């Protein structure tokens, strides 16, 4: 039985690492929001996004907002004017982008 528990834990850990890897599988969990990059502030780790409704964040209307980013390295992967799909979550310190990729 102990061996089965180890296998289950290893499988669960592999799944967590796959889903939380550097943005590759991050869109598996939440609502994807369409937006456009309006400003990037690498020094502050923030991005300004103009986007449509974001039901998962309680935003029923389109708006432009400043978001923190979970991983500041992703700010180098997008530029002002890019159309993107992103996910965000609300926390104690405001809203944080947890995943972002250029829209196709």
Protein backbone atom coordinates (compact mmCIF):
# COMPACT_ATOMS: atom_id res chain seq x y z
CA UNK A 1 0.00 0.00 0.00
CA UNK A 2 2.86 2.39 0.78
CA UNK A 3 4.12 2.08 -2.81
CA UNK A 4 0.72 3.07 -4.16
CA UNK A 5 0.70 6.20 -2.03
CA UNK A 6 4.13 7.18 -3.38
CA UNK A 7 2.95 6.68 -6.96
CA UNK A 8 -0.19 8.76 -6.30
CA UNK A 9 1.89 11.57 -4.78
CA UNK A 10 4.36 11.51 -7.68
CA UNK A 11 1.49 11.62 -10.18
CA UNK A 12 -0.14 14.54 -8.36
CA UNK A 13 3.18 16.43 -8.22
CA UNK A 14 3.75 15.88 -11.94
CA UNK A 15 0.27 17.24 -12.69
CA UNK A 16 0.84 20.33 -10.53
CA UNK A 17 4.20 21.05 -12.16
CA UNK A 18 2.73 20.59 -15.63
CA UNK A 19 -0.15 22.97 -14.98
CA UNK A 20 1.96 25.58 -13.22
CA UNK A 21 4.95 25.51 -15.58
CA UNK A 22 6.09 28.76 -17.16
CA UNK A 23 2.79 29.76 -18.73
CA UNK A 24 2.60 26.76 -21.06
CA UNK A 25 -0.37 25.00 -19.51
CA UNK A 26 -1.65 27.85 -17.43
CA UNK A 27 -4.86 28.31 -19.42
CA UNK A 28 -6.26 25.02 -18.15
CA UNK A 29 -7.73 26.49 -14.98
CA UNK A 30 -9.58 29.77 -15.40
CA UNK A 31 -11.43 32.04 -17.78
CA UNK A 32 -9.39 33.35 -20.67
CA UNK A 33 -9.88 37.10 -21.20
CA UNK A 34 -9.23 38.85 -24.54
CA UNK A 35 -7.27 42.06 -24.32
CA UNK A 36 -4.72 44.44 -25.76
CA UNK A 37 -1.45 45.54 -24.16
CA UNK A 38 -1.54 49.31 -23.59
CA UNK A 39 1.53 49.79 -21.34
CA UNK A 40 4.32 47.70 -19.80
CA UNK A 41 6.17 48.73 -16.64
CA UNK A 42 8.92 46.13 -16.23
CA UNK A 43 10.44 47.89 -13.21
CA UNK A 44 7.19 47.66 -11.26
CA UNK A 45 6.20 44.25 -12.66
CA UNK A 46 2.94 45.65 -14.05
CA UNK A 47 1.04 45.64 -17.32
CA UNK A 48 -1.87 47.79 -18.46
CA UNK A 49 -4.49 45.85 -20.41
CA UNK A 50 -7.58 47.02 -22.25
CA UNK A 51 -10.02 44.12 -22.15
CA UNK A 52 -13.55 42.94 -22.53
CA UNK A 53 -15.77 41.67 -19.72
CA UNK A 54 -13.98 39.46 -17.19
CA UNK A 55 -16.76 37.50 -15.48
CA UNK A 56 -14.30 35.51 -13.36
CA UNK A 57 -13.15 38.82 -11.79
CA UNK A 58 -16.66 40.25 -11.41
CA UNK A 59 -16.14 42.74 -14.26
CA UNK A 60 -19.19 42.90 -16.50
CA UNK A 61 -18.02 45.81 -18.63
CA UNK A 62 -14.96 46.32 -20.85
CA UNK A 63 -12.22 48.43 -19.24
CA UNK A 64 -8.56 49.30 -19.11
CA UNK A 65 -6.72 48.28 -15.95
CA UNK A 66 -3.25 47.99 -14.50
CA UNK A 67 -2.39 44.46 -13.35
CA UNK A 68 0.54 43.01 -11.48
CA UNK A 69 2.13 39.98 -13.14
CA UNK A 70 2.85 36.72 -11.36
CA UNK A 71 6.09 36.28 -13.34
CA UNK A 72 7.76 39.53 -14.48
CA UNK A 73 9.68 37.62 -17.17
CA UNK A 74 6.51 37.40 -19.27
CA UNK A 75 6.59 41.16 -19.78
CA UNK A 76 9.43 40.57 -22.24
CA UNK A 77 7.19 38.26 -24.32
CA UNK A 78 4.61 40.92 -25.23
CA UNK A 79 4.76 44.51 -26.43
CA UNK A 80 2.43 47.50 -26.49
CA UNK A 81 -0.26 46.95 -29.12
CA UNK A 82 -0.21 43.13 -28.92
CA UNK A 83 -3.58 41.38 -28.80
CA UNK A 84 -3.45 38.85 -25.95
CA UNK A 85 -5.40 36.26 -24.05
CA UNK A 86 -4.82 36.29 -20.32
CA UNK A 87 -6.01 34.98 -17.00
CA UNK A 88 -6.00 36.93 -13.76
CA UNK A 89 -7.00 36.52 -10.16
CA UNK A 90 -7.98 38.90 -7.42
CA UNK A 91 -5.92 38.96 -4.26
CA UNK A 92 -5.33 41.15 -1.23
CA UNK A 93 -3.05 43.45 -3.22
CA UNK A 94 -5.29 43.83 -6.27
CA UNK A 95 -5.44 41.91 -9.53
CA UNK A 96 -2.62 39.73 -10.83
CA UNK A 97 -2.15 38.28 -14.31
CA UNK A 98 -1.40 34.61 -13.83
CA UNK A 99 -1.08 33.66 -17.52
CA UNK A 100 -0.73 35.61 -20.76
CA UNK A 101 -0.07 34.77 -24.38
CA UNK A 102 -0.31 36.54 -27.72
CA UNK A 103 -3.67 35.97 -29.38
CA UNK A 104 -3.68 34.17 -32.69
